[in-house]
Amino acid sequence: MARIYTQNRGFQVKARAHKITTTQAILHNLFTRVILNSTDFDPNNNLDITIRTGTATSTLANHLVDTGATFGTSDVGAKVWNTTDNTYAIVTARNSATDVTLDTDIMVIGETYTMYASKFVCPIDGVYSVKGSISFEALVDACYAVARIMKNHTTMIAQQGGLTGGPGTVDLEASVIDQFAANDIITLEVYQTSGVTKNLIAAENTSLSIQLLSR
C-alpha cells in the first residue's frame, strides 16, 4: 500500500542550508559534522547556523577559554574546530561566557577555533524528508568517502558512500524519510580515508534540506 503524506497548511516546515565561503578540513578516518553557514530558506527559524570564531587565551585541559567570547547555553552540543591543528571536539558544558568544556582536549593558548552548530531542530512530532549532500575536493583513487545524516548526534539514520572510482571531485547524497519527535536534532556528517586531510568544497551542493511531510 502506498503511503500518502499530507501537510497541515497552517504549519509548514521546510528549510535548506548550505556551505559558502568556508572550506572545511576533513581529517582522515574521522566522521565530522559539516559546517553549514548560509540558509536558502528557513521561515520558522528551525536551522541553527550559528558560528563563533576566536583564539584561545589560556590553556586548560578539556576546555576552550577565550576572554573575548560570549558563549551561551545554546552552544552546548556545538562542534569546535581547532583551525590551527585541524582537530575537533564537542562542547559538553558552558561554564561561563568565556569558558566551555570540551569532550576532547584540543585547545591551547594562541590557537584559533571555529565553533559551529549546523543543526536543524524539529519543531513538532512528524514525518520528515531529509537530504544531505556533500562535495569533496579531489580524492585519491580507491579511498572511502561517506555522507551520513545523524539524529541527536549519536544515531545514524541514513548514509551513502563507497570507494572512489578514480581521482577527482566526489559528490555524495544521503536521504531518508523518517519519524522524528519535537526537539530532535538533525545534522550532516562526512568521512574520508584518503590518508590525509581533505577539504569540503564551499558550494551550493554541500547542503542539508529538510521538509515536514505529515504530522
N, C-alpha and C. Protein backbone atom coordinates (compact mmCIF):
# COMPACT_ATOMS: atom_id res chain seq x y z
N MET A 1 0.86 -1.19 0.00
CA MET A 1 0.00 0.00 0.00
C MET A 1 0.89 1.24 0.00
N ALA A 2 0.60 2.18 -0.84
CA ALA A 2 1.37 3.41 -0.90
C ALA A 2 1.04 4.30 0.28
N ARG A 3 2.05 4.98 0.81
CA ARG A 3 1.84 5.93 1.89
C ARG A 3 1.62 7.32 1.31
N ILE A 4 0.59 8.00 1.76
CA ILE A 4 0.27 9.34 1.30
C ILE A 4 0.55 10.31 2.42
N TYR A 5 1.33 11.34 2.12
CA TYR A 5 1.68 12.34 3.12
C TYR A 5 0.84 13.59 2.91
N THR A 6 0.27 14.06 3.99
CA THR A 6 -0.49 15.31 3.93
C THR A 6 0.11 16.28 4.92
N GLN A 7 0.12 17.55 4.59
CA GLN A 7 0.71 18.56 5.47
C GLN A 7 -0.34 19.59 5.86
N ASN A 8 -0.37 19.89 7.13
CA ASN A 8 -1.26 20.93 7.63
C ASN A 8 -0.77 22.28 7.12
N ARG A 9 -1.58 22.95 6.29
CA ARG A 9 -1.14 24.20 5.69
C ARG A 9 -0.93 25.30 6.73
N GLY A 10 -1.50 25.10 7.92
CA GLY A 10 -1.31 26.10 8.96
C GLY A 10 0.04 26.02 9.61
N PHE A 11 0.76 24.91 9.39
CA PHE A 11 2.10 24.78 9.99
C PHE A 11 2.98 24.01 9.02
N GLN A 12 3.67 24.71 8.17
CA GLN A 12 4.55 24.09 7.19
C GLN A 12 6.00 24.28 7.61
N VAL A 13 6.77 23.21 7.46
CA VAL A 13 8.19 23.25 7.82
C VAL A 13 8.99 22.84 6.60
N LYS A 14 9.84 23.74 6.14
CA LYS A 14 10.71 23.46 5.02
C LYS A 14 11.94 24.35 5.17
N ALA A 15 13.12 23.75 5.12
CA ALA A 15 14.34 24.53 5.35
C ALA A 15 15.49 23.93 4.56
N ARG A 16 16.43 24.81 4.17
CA ARG A 16 17.64 24.35 3.47
C ARG A 16 18.80 25.26 3.85
N ALA A 17 19.91 24.63 4.21
CA ALA A 17 21.15 25.35 4.49
C ALA A 17 22.26 24.79 3.64
N HIS A 18 23.24 25.64 3.30
CA HIS A 18 24.38 25.15 2.53
C HIS A 18 25.66 25.83 3.00
N LYS A 19 26.76 25.39 2.44
CA LYS A 19 28.07 25.91 2.81
C LYS A 19 28.51 26.96 1.79
N ILE A 20 28.91 28.13 2.29
CA ILE A 20 29.50 29.15 1.41
C ILE A 20 30.79 29.67 2.04
N THR A 21 31.70 30.10 1.25
CA THR A 21 32.95 30.79 1.60
C THR A 21 33.92 29.95 2.44
N THR A 22 33.41 29.13 3.37
CA THR A 22 34.30 28.42 4.28
C THR A 22 34.64 27.03 3.75
N THR A 23 35.89 26.79 3.39
CA THR A 23 36.36 25.45 3.06
C THR A 23 36.70 24.75 4.36
N GLN A 24 36.21 23.54 4.54
CA GLN A 24 36.36 22.85 5.81
C GLN A 24 37.29 21.65 5.68
N ALA A 25 38.27 21.56 6.57
CA ALA A 25 39.21 20.44 6.57
C ALA A 25 38.58 19.21 7.21
N ILE A 26 38.58 18.10 6.49
CA ILE A 26 38.03 16.84 6.99
C ILE A 26 39.18 15.87 7.17
N LEU A 27 39.39 15.44 8.41
CA LEU A 27 40.52 14.57 8.72
C LEU A 27 40.31 13.17 8.17
N HIS A 28 41.39 12.49 7.95
CA HIS A 28 41.35 11.08 7.56
C HIS A 28 40.74 10.24 8.68
N ASN A 29 39.79 9.39 8.33
CA ASN A 29 39.24 8.37 9.25
C ASN A 29 38.54 8.97 10.47
N LEU A 30 37.82 10.08 10.27
CA LEU A 30 37.08 10.69 11.37
C LEU A 30 35.78 11.30 10.84
N PHE A 31 34.64 10.80 11.32
CA PHE A 31 33.36 11.41 10.96
C PHE A 31 33.31 12.82 11.55
N THR A 32 32.91 13.78 10.74
CA THR A 32 32.95 15.18 11.13
C THR A 32 31.67 15.88 10.70
N ARG A 33 31.08 16.67 11.60
CA ARG A 33 29.90 17.45 11.27
C ARG A 33 30.24 18.52 10.24
N VAL A 34 29.38 18.66 9.25
CA VAL A 34 29.61 19.63 8.18
C VAL A 34 29.20 21.03 8.65
N ILE A 35 30.05 22.03 8.34
CA ILE A 35 29.70 23.42 8.60
C ILE A 35 28.73 23.89 7.53
N LEU A 36 27.57 24.38 7.96
CA LEU A 36 26.58 24.98 7.08
C LEU A 36 26.42 26.43 7.54
N ASN A 37 26.74 27.38 6.68
CA ASN A 37 26.82 28.77 7.15
C ASN A 37 25.96 29.73 6.34
N SER A 38 24.98 29.19 5.60
CA SER A 38 24.05 30.06 4.90
C SER A 38 22.72 29.32 4.71
N THR A 39 21.61 30.03 4.83
CA THR A 39 20.31 29.42 4.61
C THR A 39 19.68 29.95 3.32
N ASP A 40 19.09 29.05 2.55
CA ASP A 40 18.32 29.43 1.36
C ASP A 40 16.90 29.82 1.77
N PHE A 41 16.34 29.05 2.70
CA PHE A 41 15.05 29.39 3.28
C PHE A 41 14.90 28.66 4.61
N ASP A 42 14.28 29.32 5.54
CA ASP A 42 14.05 28.77 6.88
C ASP A 42 13.03 29.66 7.59
N PRO A 43 11.80 29.70 7.10
CA PRO A 43 10.82 30.66 7.60
C PRO A 43 10.48 30.51 9.07
N ASN A 44 10.66 29.30 9.63
CA ASN A 44 10.33 29.08 11.04
C ASN A 44 11.55 29.10 11.95
N ASN A 45 12.71 29.42 11.39
CA ASN A 45 13.96 29.50 12.18
C ASN A 45 14.27 28.21 12.91
N ASN A 46 14.17 27.09 12.19
CA ASN A 46 14.50 25.79 12.76
C ASN A 46 15.96 25.40 12.56
N LEU A 47 16.63 26.08 11.65
CA LEU A 47 18.05 25.83 11.41
C LEU A 47 18.89 26.72 12.32
N ASP A 48 19.90 26.14 12.93
CA ASP A 48 20.86 26.91 13.72
C ASP A 48 22.20 26.86 13.00
N ILE A 49 22.57 27.97 12.37
CA ILE A 49 23.85 28.04 11.67
C ILE A 49 24.81 29.01 12.37
N THR A 50 24.63 29.13 13.69
CA THR A 50 25.50 30.00 14.48
C THR A 50 26.96 29.58 14.35
N ILE A 51 27.82 30.54 14.10
CA ILE A 51 29.25 30.30 14.03
C ILE A 51 29.98 31.33 14.89
N ARG A 52 30.89 30.85 15.72
CA ARG A 52 31.74 31.72 16.52
C ARG A 52 33.20 31.43 16.16
N THR A 53 33.99 32.45 16.07
CA THR A 53 35.42 32.28 15.83
C THR A 53 36.20 33.07 16.87
N GLY A 54 37.41 32.61 17.15
CA GLY A 54 38.23 33.31 18.13
C GLY A 54 39.56 32.62 18.34
N THR A 55 40.21 33.00 19.43
CA THR A 55 41.53 32.47 19.78
C THR A 55 41.54 32.11 21.26
N ALA A 56 42.06 30.93 21.58
CA ALA A 56 42.16 30.52 22.99
C ALA A 56 43.13 31.45 23.72
N THR A 57 42.70 31.95 24.88
CA THR A 57 43.51 32.91 25.63
C THR A 57 44.21 32.28 26.84
N SER A 58 43.95 31.00 27.09
CA SER A 58 44.69 30.27 28.12
C SER A 58 44.60 28.78 27.81
N THR A 59 45.43 28.01 28.52
CA THR A 59 45.45 26.56 28.33
C THR A 59 44.88 25.88 29.57
N LEU A 60 43.80 25.11 29.38
CA LEU A 60 43.18 24.35 30.45
C LEU A 60 42.64 23.07 29.83
N ALA A 61 43.05 21.93 30.36
CA ALA A 61 42.72 20.64 29.76
C ALA A 61 41.21 20.49 29.55
N ASN A 62 40.82 20.07 28.36
CA ASN A 62 39.42 19.83 28.00
C ASN A 62 38.54 21.08 28.11
N HIS A 63 39.15 22.24 27.97
CA HIS A 63 38.40 23.50 27.98
C HIS A 63 38.80 24.34 26.78
N LEU A 64 37.87 25.18 26.38
CA LEU A 64 38.16 26.29 25.48
C LEU A 64 37.90 27.56 26.26
N VAL A 65 38.95 28.33 26.49
CA VAL A 65 38.85 29.59 27.21
C VAL A 65 39.22 30.72 26.25
N ASP A 66 38.31 31.68 26.13
CA ASP A 66 38.53 32.83 25.26
C ASP A 66 37.90 34.04 25.94
N THR A 67 38.74 34.91 26.46
CA THR A 67 38.22 36.06 27.22
C THR A 67 37.46 37.04 26.34
N GLY A 68 37.56 36.90 25.04
CA GLY A 68 36.80 37.76 24.14
C GLY A 68 35.50 37.17 23.66
N ALA A 69 35.16 35.98 24.16
CA ALA A 69 33.97 35.27 23.68
C ALA A 69 32.73 35.62 24.50
N THR A 70 31.58 35.24 23.98
CA THR A 70 30.30 35.37 24.69
C THR A 70 29.54 34.06 24.53
N PHE A 71 30.11 32.98 25.08
CA PHE A 71 29.49 31.66 24.96
C PHE A 71 28.15 31.64 25.69
N GLY A 72 27.18 30.93 25.10
CA GLY A 72 25.86 30.80 25.72
C GLY A 72 25.51 29.36 25.97
N THR A 73 24.41 29.13 26.69
CA THR A 73 23.98 27.76 26.97
C THR A 73 23.61 27.02 25.70
N SER A 74 23.20 27.75 24.67
CA SER A 74 22.84 27.11 23.40
C SER A 74 24.05 26.55 22.67
N ASP A 75 25.25 26.90 23.12
CA ASP A 75 26.46 26.38 22.49
C ASP A 75 26.78 24.95 22.92
N VAL A 76 26.12 24.45 23.95
CA VAL A 76 26.32 23.05 24.35
C VAL A 76 25.86 22.16 23.21
N GLY A 77 26.72 21.24 22.80
CA GLY A 77 26.45 20.38 21.65
C GLY A 77 27.08 20.88 20.37
N ALA A 78 27.58 22.12 20.37
CA ALA A 78 28.24 22.66 19.19
C ALA A 78 29.57 21.95 18.94
N LYS A 79 29.99 21.99 17.71
CA LYS A 79 31.28 21.41 17.35
C LYS A 79 32.34 22.51 17.37
N VAL A 80 33.53 22.18 17.86
CA VAL A 80 34.65 23.12 17.85
C VAL A 80 35.74 22.56 16.94
N TRP A 81 36.12 23.35 15.97
CA TRP A 81 37.20 23.01 15.04
C TRP A 81 38.40 23.87 15.39
N ASN A 82 39.47 23.23 15.85
CA ASN A 82 40.74 23.92 16.07
C ASN A 82 41.35 24.14 14.69
N THR A 83 41.29 25.36 14.20
CA THR A 83 41.74 25.64 12.84
C THR A 83 43.25 25.80 12.74
N THR A 84 43.94 25.77 13.88
CA THR A 84 45.40 25.76 13.87
C THR A 84 45.92 24.35 13.63
N ASP A 85 45.35 23.38 14.36
CA ASP A 85 45.83 22.00 14.29
C ASP A 85 44.94 21.08 13.46
N ASN A 86 43.76 21.58 13.02
CA ASN A 86 42.77 20.74 12.33
C ASN A 86 42.36 19.54 13.20
N THR A 87 41.88 19.86 14.41
CA THR A 87 41.31 18.86 15.30
C THR A 87 39.90 19.31 15.68
N TYR A 88 39.11 18.38 16.21
CA TYR A 88 37.71 18.66 16.51
C TYR A 88 37.32 18.16 17.90
N ALA A 89 36.33 18.84 18.49
CA ALA A 89 35.76 18.43 19.77
C ALA A 89 34.31 18.91 19.82
N ILE A 90 33.60 18.47 20.85
CA ILE A 90 32.21 18.87 21.06
C ILE A 90 32.09 19.58 22.41
N VAL A 91 31.31 20.65 22.44
CA VAL A 91 31.07 21.37 23.69
C VAL A 91 30.12 20.56 24.55
N THR A 92 30.55 20.22 25.77
CA THR A 92 29.71 19.44 26.68
C THR A 92 29.11 20.26 27.81
N ALA A 93 29.67 21.44 28.08
CA ALA A 93 29.13 22.29 29.14
C ALA A 93 29.57 23.73 28.91
N ARG A 94 28.70 24.65 29.30
CA ARG A 94 29.03 26.07 29.29
C ARG A 94 29.28 26.50 30.73
N ASN A 95 30.49 26.87 31.04
CA ASN A 95 30.86 27.23 32.40
C ASN A 95 30.71 28.72 32.67
N SER A 96 30.96 29.52 31.64
CA SER A 96 30.79 30.97 31.73
C SER A 96 30.78 31.50 30.31
N ALA A 97 30.65 32.81 30.18
CA ALA A 97 30.64 33.43 28.85
C ALA A 97 31.98 33.30 28.14
N THR A 98 33.02 32.93 28.88
CA THR A 98 34.36 32.84 28.28
C THR A 98 34.99 31.45 28.40
N ASP A 99 34.23 30.48 28.90
CA ASP A 99 34.81 29.14 29.17
C ASP A 99 33.77 28.06 28.90
N VAL A 100 34.12 27.10 28.01
CA VAL A 100 33.28 25.92 27.80
C VAL A 100 34.13 24.66 27.96
N THR A 101 33.47 23.58 28.36
CA THR A 101 34.14 22.28 28.50
C THR A 101 33.99 21.52 27.19
N LEU A 102 35.06 20.83 26.78
CA LEU A 102 35.08 20.04 25.56
C LEU A 102 35.24 18.56 25.88
N ASP A 103 34.72 17.71 24.98
CA ASP A 103 34.85 16.27 25.21
C ASP A 103 36.24 15.75 24.86
N THR A 104 37.04 16.56 24.19
CA THR A 104 38.40 16.18 23.80
C THR A 104 39.32 17.36 24.04
N ASP A 105 40.52 17.10 24.50
CA ASP A 105 41.48 18.16 24.83
C ASP A 105 42.20 18.59 23.56
N ILE A 106 41.73 19.68 22.93
CA ILE A 106 42.30 20.09 21.64
C ILE A 106 42.85 21.51 21.62
N MET A 107 42.58 22.34 22.64
CA MET A 107 42.92 23.76 22.56
C MET A 107 44.02 24.15 23.54
N VAL A 108 44.97 24.96 23.06
CA VAL A 108 45.96 25.59 23.93
C VAL A 108 46.02 27.07 23.57
N ILE A 109 46.62 27.84 24.43
CA ILE A 109 46.67 29.29 24.25
C ILE A 109 47.26 29.65 22.88
N GLY A 110 46.63 30.61 22.23
CA GLY A 110 47.10 31.10 20.94
C GLY A 110 46.54 30.40 19.73
N GLU A 111 45.86 29.26 19.93
CA GLU A 111 45.29 28.53 18.79
C GLU A 111 43.91 29.08 18.45
N THR A 112 43.61 29.09 17.17
CA THR A 112 42.34 29.64 16.69
C THR A 112 41.29 28.54 16.53
N TYR A 113 40.02 28.96 16.58
CA TYR A 113 38.94 27.97 16.51
C TYR A 113 37.74 28.53 15.76
N THR A 114 36.93 27.60 15.27
CA THR A 114 35.60 27.90 14.77
C THR A 114 34.63 27.00 15.52
N MET A 115 33.66 27.60 16.18
CA MET A 115 32.60 26.85 16.88
C MET A 115 31.33 26.99 16.05
N TYR A 116 30.69 25.85 15.76
CA TYR A 116 29.53 25.90 14.89
C TYR A 116 28.46 24.91 15.32
N ALA A 117 27.20 25.29 15.09
CA ALA A 117 26.07 24.43 15.43
C ALA A 117 25.68 23.55 14.24
N SER A 118 25.32 24.18 13.12
CA SER A 118 24.97 23.47 11.88
C SER A 118 23.99 22.34 12.14
N LYS A 119 22.84 22.70 12.69
CA LYS A 119 21.85 21.69 13.04
C LYS A 119 20.44 22.19 12.74
N PHE A 120 19.54 21.24 12.54
CA PHE A 120 18.11 21.51 12.39
C PHE A 120 17.42 20.92 13.60
N VAL A 121 16.55 21.71 14.24
CA VAL A 121 15.80 21.25 15.41
C VAL A 121 14.34 21.08 14.99
N CYS A 122 13.84 19.85 15.09
CA CYS A 122 12.46 19.57 14.67
C CYS A 122 11.49 20.32 15.58
N PRO A 123 10.59 21.13 15.03
CA PRO A 123 9.68 21.91 15.87
C PRO A 123 8.52 21.10 16.44
N ILE A 124 8.12 20.03 15.74
CA ILE A 124 6.98 19.22 16.17
C ILE A 124 7.23 17.75 15.81
N ASP A 125 6.46 16.85 16.43
CA ASP A 125 6.48 15.46 16.01
C ASP A 125 5.98 15.36 14.58
N GLY A 126 6.56 14.44 13.80
CA GLY A 126 6.08 14.26 12.44
C GLY A 126 7.02 13.43 11.59
N VAL A 127 6.58 13.21 10.36
CA VAL A 127 7.39 12.52 9.36
C VAL A 127 8.10 13.58 8.53
N TYR A 128 9.42 13.48 8.47
CA TYR A 128 10.23 14.47 7.77
C TYR A 128 11.02 13.80 6.64
N SER A 129 11.19 14.55 5.57
CA SER A 129 12.10 14.17 4.50
C SER A 129 13.40 14.93 4.69
N VAL A 130 14.52 14.20 4.71
CA VAL A 130 15.83 14.81 4.97
C VAL A 130 16.79 14.40 3.85
N LYS A 131 17.50 15.38 3.31
CA LYS A 131 18.51 15.10 2.28
C LYS A 131 19.77 15.88 2.59
N GLY A 132 20.89 15.18 2.63
CA GLY A 132 22.18 15.81 2.86
C GLY A 132 23.12 15.54 1.70
N SER A 133 23.75 16.59 1.19
CA SER A 133 24.67 16.47 0.05
C SER A 133 26.02 17.07 0.42
N ILE A 134 27.09 16.45 -0.09
CA ILE A 134 28.43 16.99 0.14
C ILE A 134 29.25 16.92 -1.14
N SER A 135 30.27 17.78 -1.21
CA SER A 135 31.18 17.78 -2.35
C SER A 135 32.60 17.91 -1.84
N PHE A 136 33.39 16.84 -2.02
CA PHE A 136 34.79 16.84 -1.63
C PHE A 136 35.66 17.37 -2.76
N GLU A 137 36.77 17.99 -2.38
CA GLU A 137 37.79 18.27 -3.38
C GLU A 137 38.37 16.93 -3.84
N ALA A 138 39.31 16.97 -4.76
CA ALA A 138 39.85 15.75 -5.36
C ALA A 138 40.33 14.75 -4.30
N LEU A 139 39.79 13.53 -4.37
CA LEU A 139 40.22 12.43 -3.52
C LEU A 139 41.04 11.45 -4.35
N VAL A 140 41.88 10.69 -3.69
CA VAL A 140 42.68 9.70 -4.40
C VAL A 140 41.82 8.50 -4.78
N ASP A 141 42.31 7.71 -5.72
CA ASP A 141 41.59 6.53 -6.18
C ASP A 141 41.47 5.51 -5.04
N ALA A 142 40.29 4.88 -4.98
CA ALA A 142 40.03 3.75 -4.07
C ALA A 142 40.11 4.14 -2.59
N CYS A 143 39.77 5.37 -2.26
CA CYS A 143 39.59 5.71 -0.85
C CYS A 143 38.09 5.69 -0.56
N TYR A 144 37.73 5.64 0.69
CA TYR A 144 36.34 5.52 1.09
C TYR A 144 35.82 6.90 1.48
N ALA A 145 34.64 7.25 0.98
CA ALA A 145 34.02 8.53 1.31
C ALA A 145 32.56 8.30 1.64
N VAL A 146 32.07 9.00 2.68
CA VAL A 146 30.71 8.77 3.18
C VAL A 146 30.07 10.10 3.55
N ALA A 147 28.79 10.24 3.24
CA ALA A 147 27.94 11.30 3.80
C ALA A 147 26.87 10.60 4.62
N ARG A 148 26.61 11.11 5.83
CA ARG A 148 25.57 10.47 6.65
C ARG A 148 24.76 11.50 7.40
N ILE A 149 23.50 11.16 7.66
CA ILE A 149 22.58 12.01 8.40
C ILE A 149 22.43 11.45 9.80
N MET A 150 22.57 12.34 10.80
CA MET A 150 22.55 11.92 12.20
C MET A 150 21.34 12.51 12.92
N LYS A 151 20.79 11.73 13.84
CA LYS A 151 19.73 12.20 14.73
C LYS A 151 20.27 12.29 16.14
N ASN A 152 20.14 13.47 16.73
CA ASN A 152 20.60 13.72 18.11
C ASN A 152 22.07 13.38 18.31
N HIS A 153 22.85 13.57 17.26
CA HIS A 153 24.31 13.45 17.27
C HIS A 153 24.83 12.03 17.40
N THR A 154 24.01 11.06 17.78
CA THR A 154 24.52 9.73 18.07
C THR A 154 23.93 8.62 17.21
N THR A 155 22.78 8.86 16.56
CA THR A 155 22.10 7.82 15.79
C THR A 155 22.18 8.12 14.30
N MET A 156 22.81 7.22 13.54
CA MET A 156 22.88 7.38 12.11
C MET A 156 21.58 6.87 11.48
N ILE A 157 20.92 7.72 10.71
CA ILE A 157 19.63 7.33 10.13
C ILE A 157 19.69 7.16 8.61
N ALA A 158 20.76 7.61 7.99
CA ALA A 158 20.94 7.40 6.55
C ALA A 158 22.39 7.67 6.20
N GLN A 159 22.90 6.93 5.23
CA GLN A 159 24.24 7.23 4.75
C GLN A 159 24.38 6.76 3.30
N GLN A 160 25.33 7.38 2.62
CA GLN A 160 25.64 6.99 1.25
C GLN A 160 27.12 7.18 1.05
N GLY A 161 27.76 6.20 0.41
CA GLY A 161 29.18 6.31 0.19
C GLY A 161 29.75 5.02 -0.37
N GLY A 162 31.05 4.97 -0.47
CA GLY A 162 31.74 3.80 -1.01
C GLY A 162 33.12 4.18 -1.46
N LEU A 163 33.76 3.27 -2.17
CA LEU A 163 35.10 3.51 -2.68
C LEU A 163 35.04 4.43 -3.89
N THR A 164 35.97 5.37 -3.92
CA THR A 164 36.05 6.25 -5.08
C THR A 164 36.60 5.47 -6.27
N GLY A 165 36.09 5.81 -7.47
CA GLY A 165 36.49 5.07 -8.66
C GLY A 165 37.64 5.68 -9.41
N GLY A 166 38.19 6.75 -8.89
CA GLY A 166 39.32 7.41 -9.55
C GLY A 166 39.54 8.77 -8.92
N PRO A 167 40.66 9.40 -9.19
CA PRO A 167 40.92 10.72 -8.62
C PRO A 167 39.95 11.75 -9.17
N GLY A 168 39.60 12.73 -8.35
CA GLY A 168 38.69 13.79 -8.78
C GLY A 168 37.71 14.16 -7.70
N THR A 169 36.90 15.17 -7.98
CA THR A 169 35.88 15.64 -7.04
C THR A 169 34.87 14.53 -6.77
N VAL A 170 34.44 14.40 -5.52
CA VAL A 170 33.48 13.37 -5.12
C VAL A 170 32.23 14.04 -4.56
N ASP A 171 31.08 13.73 -5.14
CA ASP A 171 29.78 14.23 -4.67
C ASP A 171 28.98 13.07 -4.12
N LEU A 172 28.40 13.26 -2.94
CA LEU A 172 27.61 12.22 -2.29
C LEU A 172 26.31 12.83 -1.78
N GLU A 173 25.26 11.99 -1.72
CA GLU A 173 23.97 12.45 -1.21
C GLU A 173 23.31 11.34 -0.41
N ALA A 174 22.95 11.63 0.83
CA ALA A 174 22.21 10.70 1.69
C ALA A 174 20.82 11.26 1.92
N SER A 175 19.82 10.40 1.94
CA SER A 175 18.45 10.88 2.14
C SER A 175 17.64 9.86 2.90
N VAL A 176 16.59 10.35 3.57
CA VAL A 176 15.75 9.46 4.37
C VAL A 176 14.41 10.13 4.61
N ILE A 177 13.37 9.33 4.73
CA ILE A 177 12.06 9.77 5.23
C ILE A 177 11.82 9.00 6.51
N ASP A 178 11.64 9.72 7.62
CA ASP A 178 11.57 9.05 8.92
C ASP A 178 10.72 9.86 9.88
N GLN A 179 10.34 9.21 10.97
CA GLN A 179 9.58 9.84 12.04
C GLN A 179 10.54 10.51 13.02
N PHE A 180 10.26 11.76 13.36
CA PHE A 180 11.05 12.49 14.33
C PHE A 180 10.14 13.08 15.40
N ALA A 181 10.71 13.28 16.58
CA ALA A 181 9.98 13.91 17.67
C ALA A 181 10.36 15.37 17.77
N ALA A 182 9.49 16.15 18.38
CA ALA A 182 9.81 17.56 18.62
C ALA A 182 11.13 17.66 19.39
N ASN A 183 11.98 18.58 18.96
CA ASN A 183 13.29 18.85 19.54
C ASN A 183 14.37 17.85 19.15
N ASP A 184 14.03 16.87 18.31
CA ASP A 184 15.10 16.04 17.73
C ASP A 184 16.03 16.93 16.91
N ILE A 185 17.31 16.59 16.93
CA ILE A 185 18.33 17.36 16.21
C ILE A 185 18.83 16.57 15.01
N ILE A 186 18.90 17.22 13.86
CA ILE A 186 19.38 16.60 12.64
C ILE A 186 20.64 17.31 12.18
N THR A 187 21.70 16.53 11.91
CA THR A 187 22.96 17.09 11.43
C THR A 187 23.48 16.25 10.27
N LEU A 188 24.44 16.81 9.54
CA LEU A 188 25.08 16.14 8.41
C LEU A 188 26.55 15.93 8.73
N GLU A 189 27.04 14.70 8.50
CA GLU A 189 28.44 14.38 8.76
C GLU A 189 29.10 13.78 7.52
N VAL A 190 30.42 13.88 7.48
CA VAL A 190 31.19 13.31 6.37
C VAL A 190 32.40 12.54 6.90
N TYR A 191 32.97 11.73 6.00
CA TYR A 191 34.07 10.83 6.38
C TYR A 191 34.88 10.54 5.12
N GLN A 192 36.19 10.43 5.28
CA GLN A 192 37.02 10.05 4.13
C GLN A 192 38.28 9.35 4.61
N THR A 193 38.83 8.47 3.74
CA THR A 193 40.01 7.68 4.10
C THR A 193 41.12 7.83 3.06
N SER A 194 41.39 9.07 2.65
CA SER A 194 42.44 9.29 1.65
C SER A 194 43.84 9.18 2.24
N GLY A 195 43.92 9.16 3.57
CA GLY A 195 45.21 9.11 4.24
C GLY A 195 45.71 10.46 4.68
N VAL A 196 45.08 11.52 4.16
CA VAL A 196 45.46 12.89 4.53
C VAL A 196 44.20 13.71 4.72
N THR A 197 44.36 14.92 5.27
CA THR A 197 43.23 15.83 5.41
C THR A 197 42.77 16.32 4.04
N LYS A 198 41.44 16.30 3.82
CA LYS A 198 40.87 16.78 2.56
C LYS A 198 39.81 17.83 2.87
N ASN A 199 39.52 18.68 1.90
CA ASN A 199 38.59 19.78 2.10
C ASN A 199 37.23 19.51 1.50
N LEU A 200 36.19 19.93 2.25
CA LEU A 200 34.87 20.04 1.66
C LEU A 200 34.80 21.34 0.89
N ILE A 201 34.21 21.28 -0.28
CA ILE A 201 34.13 22.46 -1.13
C ILE A 201 32.99 23.36 -0.66
N ALA A 202 33.26 24.64 -0.58
CA ALA A 202 32.21 25.61 -0.24
C ALA A 202 31.37 25.86 -1.49
N ALA A 203 30.19 25.22 -1.53
CA ALA A 203 29.36 25.30 -2.73
C ALA A 203 27.92 24.96 -2.38
N GLU A 204 27.02 25.29 -3.29
CA GLU A 204 25.60 25.02 -3.10
C GLU A 204 25.32 23.53 -2.88
N ASN A 205 26.15 22.65 -3.47
CA ASN A 205 25.85 21.23 -3.38
C ASN A 205 26.40 20.58 -2.12
N THR A 206 26.96 21.35 -1.19
CA THR A 206 27.17 20.86 0.17
C THR A 206 26.05 21.48 1.00
N SER A 207 25.02 20.68 1.30
CA SER A 207 23.78 21.26 1.83
C SER A 207 22.99 20.24 2.65
N LEU A 208 22.03 20.76 3.42
CA LEU A 208 21.09 19.96 4.19
C LEU A 208 19.69 20.52 3.95
N SER A 209 18.79 19.68 3.43
CA SER A 209 17.42 20.10 3.12
C SER A 209 16.44 19.23 3.91
N ILE A 210 15.45 19.87 4.52
CA ILE A 210 14.50 19.17 5.40
C ILE A 210 13.10 19.69 5.15
N GLN A 211 12.14 18.77 5.10
CA GLN A 211 10.74 19.16 4.92
C GLN A 211 9.84 18.25 5.76
N LEU A 212 8.90 18.88 6.45
CA LEU A 212 7.89 18.12 7.18
C LEU A 212 6.85 17.62 6.17
N LEU A 213 6.61 16.30 6.18
CA LEU A 213 5.65 15.71 5.25
C LEU A 213 4.29 15.50 5.89
N SER A 214 4.27 15.07 7.14
CA SER A 214 2.98 14.86 7.81
C SER A 214 3.18 14.91 9.31
N ARG A 215 2.10 15.21 10.02
CA ARG A 215 2.14 15.27 11.47
C ARG A 215 1.49 14.04 12.06
